[in-house]
Amino acid sequence: MGECYLWVRELGNEDYQGAAPPGVRRDARGAGVRLVDEEAGLAKVREMLERQAVILLCFEADERECHRGYVRSQLRQAAAL
């Protein structure tokens, strides 16, 4: 298929500025993680993984300070089922 960039808007973090209310999932630095449409976004990436390797990108340089670590863990968890 070749290399390409695909923005999966559904996996965008609505709480990227850290203004999440109590009870919202948190990343390693304590910022909120609330994906736009987690189920649809993860399904889209799982479908891509059936055909090719996928690299998760975000603005944050360190994955431990970014919601993509959460996305990765959700993908791995689903793959283990």
N, C-alpha and C. Protein backbone atom coordinates (compact mmCIF):
# COMPACT_ATOMS: atom_id res chain seq x y z
N MET A 1 0.81 -1.19 0.00
CA MET A 1 0.00 0.00 0.00
C MET A 1 0.85 1.26 0.00
N GLY A 2 2.07 1.16 0.49
CA GLY A 2 2.92 2.34 0.54
C GLY A 2 2.68 3.15 1.80
N GLU A 3 3.54 4.13 1.98
CA GLU A 3 3.43 4.98 3.15
C GLU A 3 2.43 6.10 2.93
N CYS A 4 1.71 6.43 3.97
CA CYS A 4 0.76 7.54 3.89
C CYS A 4 0.49 8.04 5.30
N TYR A 5 -0.06 9.23 5.38
CA TYR A 5 -0.46 9.81 6.66
C TYR A 5 -1.97 9.86 6.68
N LEU A 6 -2.55 9.35 7.73
CA LEU A 6 -4.00 9.39 7.88
C LEU A 6 -4.34 9.90 9.26
N TRP A 7 -5.03 11.01 9.32
CA TRP A 7 -5.47 11.56 10.60
C TRP A 7 -6.74 10.84 11.01
N VAL A 8 -6.72 10.18 12.15
CA VAL A 8 -7.90 9.51 12.69
C VAL A 8 -8.47 10.45 13.74
N ARG A 9 -9.34 11.32 13.30
CA ARG A 9 -9.90 12.35 14.17
C ARG A 9 -10.58 11.76 15.39
N GLU A 10 -11.16 10.59 15.23
CA GLU A 10 -11.88 9.94 16.32
C GLU A 10 -10.97 9.65 17.52
N LEU A 11 -9.67 9.54 17.28
CA LEU A 11 -8.73 9.26 18.37
C LEU A 11 -8.11 10.52 18.94
N GLY A 12 -8.59 11.68 18.54
CA GLY A 12 -8.12 12.93 19.11
C GLY A 12 -8.55 13.05 20.56
N ASN A 13 -7.71 13.67 21.36
CA ASN A 13 -7.99 13.82 22.79
C ASN A 13 -8.70 15.14 23.05
N GLU A 14 -9.94 15.08 23.43
CA GLU A 14 -10.71 16.30 23.72
C GLU A 14 -10.20 17.03 24.96
N ASP A 15 -9.45 16.34 25.81
CA ASP A 15 -8.94 16.95 27.03
C ASP A 15 -7.43 17.20 26.96
N TYR A 16 -6.92 17.50 25.77
CA TYR A 16 -5.48 17.66 25.60
C TYR A 16 -4.91 18.81 26.42
N GLN A 17 -5.74 19.74 26.85
CA GLN A 17 -5.24 20.85 27.65
C GLN A 17 -5.32 20.57 29.14
N GLY A 18 -5.73 19.37 29.50
CA GLY A 18 -5.72 18.95 30.89
C GLY A 18 -6.87 19.47 31.73
N ALA A 19 -7.95 19.86 31.10
CA ALA A 19 -9.09 20.41 31.84
C ALA A 19 -10.16 19.36 32.10
N ALA A 20 -9.77 18.12 32.21
CA ALA A 20 -10.74 17.03 32.39
C ALA A 20 -11.40 17.08 33.77
N PRO A 21 -12.68 16.80 33.83
CA PRO A 21 -13.36 16.75 35.12
C PRO A 21 -12.96 15.50 35.91
N PRO A 22 -13.23 15.47 37.19
CA PRO A 22 -12.93 14.28 38.00
C PRO A 22 -13.59 13.04 37.40
N GLY A 23 -12.91 11.90 37.50
CA GLY A 23 -13.46 10.64 37.01
C GLY A 23 -13.07 10.31 35.57
N VAL A 24 -12.44 11.25 34.86
CA VAL A 24 -12.00 11.00 33.48
C VAL A 24 -10.66 10.28 33.52
N ARG A 25 -10.44 9.35 32.58
CA ARG A 25 -9.16 8.65 32.49
C ARG A 25 -8.02 9.66 32.44
N ARG A 26 -6.87 9.28 32.96
CA ARG A 26 -5.70 10.16 32.99
C ARG A 26 -4.52 9.47 32.32
N ASP A 27 -3.66 10.27 31.67
CA ASP A 27 -2.43 9.72 31.12
C ASP A 27 -1.37 9.73 32.22
N ALA A 28 -0.12 9.39 31.88
CA ALA A 28 0.94 9.26 32.88
C ALA A 28 1.24 10.56 33.62
N ARG A 29 0.98 11.70 33.00
CA ARG A 29 1.27 12.98 33.67
C ARG A 29 0.04 13.54 34.38
N GLY A 30 -1.09 12.84 34.30
CA GLY A 30 -2.30 13.26 34.99
C GLY A 30 -3.27 14.05 34.14
N ALA A 31 -2.93 14.28 32.86
CA ALA A 31 -3.86 14.99 31.98
C ALA A 31 -5.01 14.06 31.61
N GLY A 32 -6.16 14.63 31.34
CA GLY A 32 -7.33 13.84 30.97
C GLY A 32 -7.19 13.21 29.60
N VAL A 33 -7.77 12.02 29.45
CA VAL A 33 -7.82 11.34 28.16
C VAL A 33 -9.29 11.05 27.86
N ARG A 34 -9.84 11.82 26.95
CA ARG A 34 -11.22 11.60 26.52
C ARG A 34 -11.21 11.70 25.00
N LEU A 35 -11.25 10.53 24.35
CA LEU A 35 -11.16 10.48 22.89
C LEU A 35 -12.47 10.91 22.26
N VAL A 36 -12.37 11.50 21.07
CA VAL A 36 -13.55 12.01 20.36
C VAL A 36 -14.57 10.90 20.15
N ASP A 37 -14.14 9.75 19.61
CA ASP A 37 -15.01 8.58 19.42
C ASP A 37 -14.12 7.34 19.48
N GLU A 38 -13.85 6.91 20.70
CA GLU A 38 -12.89 5.83 20.92
C GLU A 38 -13.22 4.57 20.14
N GLU A 39 -14.43 4.11 20.20
CA GLU A 39 -14.81 2.86 19.54
C GLU A 39 -14.58 2.93 18.02
N ALA A 40 -15.04 3.99 17.40
CA ALA A 40 -14.88 4.14 15.94
C ALA A 40 -13.41 4.30 15.56
N GLY A 41 -12.66 5.08 16.35
CA GLY A 41 -11.25 5.29 16.05
C GLY A 41 -10.44 4.02 16.18
N LEU A 42 -10.66 3.27 17.24
CA LEU A 42 -9.94 2.01 17.43
C LEU A 42 -10.30 1.01 16.34
N ALA A 43 -11.55 0.97 15.93
CA ALA A 43 -11.97 0.07 14.85
C ALA A 43 -11.25 0.42 13.56
N LYS A 44 -11.12 1.71 13.28
CA LYS A 44 -10.44 2.17 12.07
C LYS A 44 -8.97 1.72 12.07
N VAL A 45 -8.31 1.87 13.21
CA VAL A 45 -6.90 1.49 13.29
C VAL A 45 -6.75 -0.03 13.24
N ARG A 46 -7.65 -0.77 13.90
CA ARG A 46 -7.58 -2.24 13.83
C ARG A 46 -7.73 -2.73 12.39
N GLU A 47 -8.59 -2.09 11.62
CA GLU A 47 -8.77 -2.44 10.21
C GLU A 47 -7.48 -2.17 9.44
N MET A 48 -6.82 -1.06 9.71
CA MET A 48 -5.55 -0.75 9.04
C MET A 48 -4.48 -1.78 9.40
N LEU A 49 -4.46 -2.19 10.68
CA LEU A 49 -3.45 -3.15 11.13
C LEU A 49 -3.56 -4.51 10.44
N GLU A 50 -4.72 -4.83 9.93
CA GLU A 50 -4.89 -6.08 9.19
C GLU A 50 -4.14 -6.06 7.86
N ARG A 51 -3.82 -4.86 7.36
CA ARG A 51 -3.17 -4.72 6.05
C ARG A 51 -1.74 -4.23 6.12
N GLN A 52 -1.39 -3.50 7.19
CA GLN A 52 -0.07 -2.87 7.22
C GLN A 52 0.29 -2.45 8.63
N ALA A 53 1.56 -2.08 8.80
CA ALA A 53 2.02 -1.55 10.09
C ALA A 53 1.45 -0.14 10.26
N VAL A 54 1.27 0.24 11.51
CA VAL A 54 0.71 1.55 11.83
C VAL A 54 1.62 2.23 12.85
N ILE A 55 1.86 3.51 12.66
CA ILE A 55 2.62 4.32 13.61
C ILE A 55 1.69 5.39 14.15
N LEU A 56 1.59 5.46 15.48
CA LEU A 56 0.74 6.48 16.11
C LEU A 56 1.57 7.74 16.34
N LEU A 57 1.08 8.85 15.86
CA LEU A 57 1.77 10.13 16.00
C LEU A 57 0.91 11.13 16.74
N CYS A 58 1.57 12.06 17.39
CA CYS A 58 0.87 13.14 18.08
C CYS A 58 1.86 14.28 18.26
N PHE A 59 1.38 15.39 18.73
CA PHE A 59 2.23 16.55 18.98
C PHE A 59 3.24 16.30 20.09
N GLU A 60 2.84 15.57 21.11
CA GLU A 60 3.70 15.32 22.26
C GLU A 60 4.89 14.46 21.86
N ALA A 61 6.08 14.88 22.25
CA ALA A 61 7.30 14.13 21.91
C ALA A 61 7.42 12.84 22.72
N ASP A 62 6.96 12.87 23.95
CA ASP A 62 7.10 11.73 24.85
C ASP A 62 5.75 11.03 24.99
N GLU A 63 5.71 9.78 24.56
CA GLU A 63 4.45 9.02 24.61
C GLU A 63 3.88 8.93 26.02
N ARG A 64 4.73 8.95 27.03
CA ARG A 64 4.25 8.88 28.41
C ARG A 64 3.46 10.12 28.80
N GLU A 65 3.59 11.18 28.02
CA GLU A 65 2.87 12.42 28.29
C GLU A 65 1.81 12.68 27.22
N CYS A 66 1.30 11.61 26.66
CA CYS A 66 0.40 11.74 25.51
C CYS A 66 -0.68 10.66 25.55
N HIS A 67 -1.80 10.95 24.94
CA HIS A 67 -2.91 9.99 24.90
C HIS A 67 -2.64 8.80 23.99
N ARG A 68 -1.61 8.88 23.12
CA ARG A 68 -1.37 7.73 22.23
C ARG A 68 -0.92 6.50 23.00
N GLY A 69 -0.33 6.67 24.18
CA GLY A 69 -0.01 5.52 25.03
C GLY A 69 -1.27 4.79 25.44
N TYR A 70 -2.31 5.55 25.76
CA TYR A 70 -3.60 4.95 26.09
C TYR A 70 -4.18 4.22 24.87
N VAL A 71 -4.11 4.87 23.70
CA VAL A 71 -4.63 4.25 22.47
C VAL A 71 -3.89 2.94 22.20
N ARG A 72 -2.56 2.96 22.33
CA ARG A 72 -1.77 1.75 22.11
C ARG A 72 -2.20 0.64 23.06
N SER A 73 -2.39 0.98 24.34
CA SER A 73 -2.78 -0.05 25.31
C SER A 73 -4.16 -0.63 24.97
N GLN A 74 -5.07 0.19 24.49
CA GLN A 74 -6.39 -0.31 24.10
C GLN A 74 -6.30 -1.25 22.89
N LEU A 75 -5.44 -0.90 21.93
CA LEU A 75 -5.25 -1.77 20.76
C LEU A 75 -4.63 -3.10 21.16
N ARG A 76 -3.64 -3.05 22.03
CA ARG A 76 -2.99 -4.31 22.50
C ARG A 76 -3.98 -5.16 23.28
N GLN A 77 -4.77 -4.53 24.11
CA GLN A 77 -5.75 -5.26 24.91
C GLN A 77 -6.75 -5.97 24.01
N ALA A 78 -7.23 -5.29 22.97
CA ALA A 78 -8.19 -5.88 22.05
C ALA A 78 -7.55 -7.03 21.27
N ALA A 79 -6.28 -6.89 20.92
CA ALA A 79 -5.57 -7.94 20.16
C ALA A 79 -5.40 -9.21 20.99
N ALA A 80 -5.32 -9.05 22.29
CA ALA A 80 -5.10 -10.20 23.18
C ALA A 80 -6.38 -11.01 23.41
N LEU A 81 -7.52 -10.46 23.07
CA LEU A 81 -8.78 -11.16 23.31
C LEU A 81 -9.00 -12.30 22.34
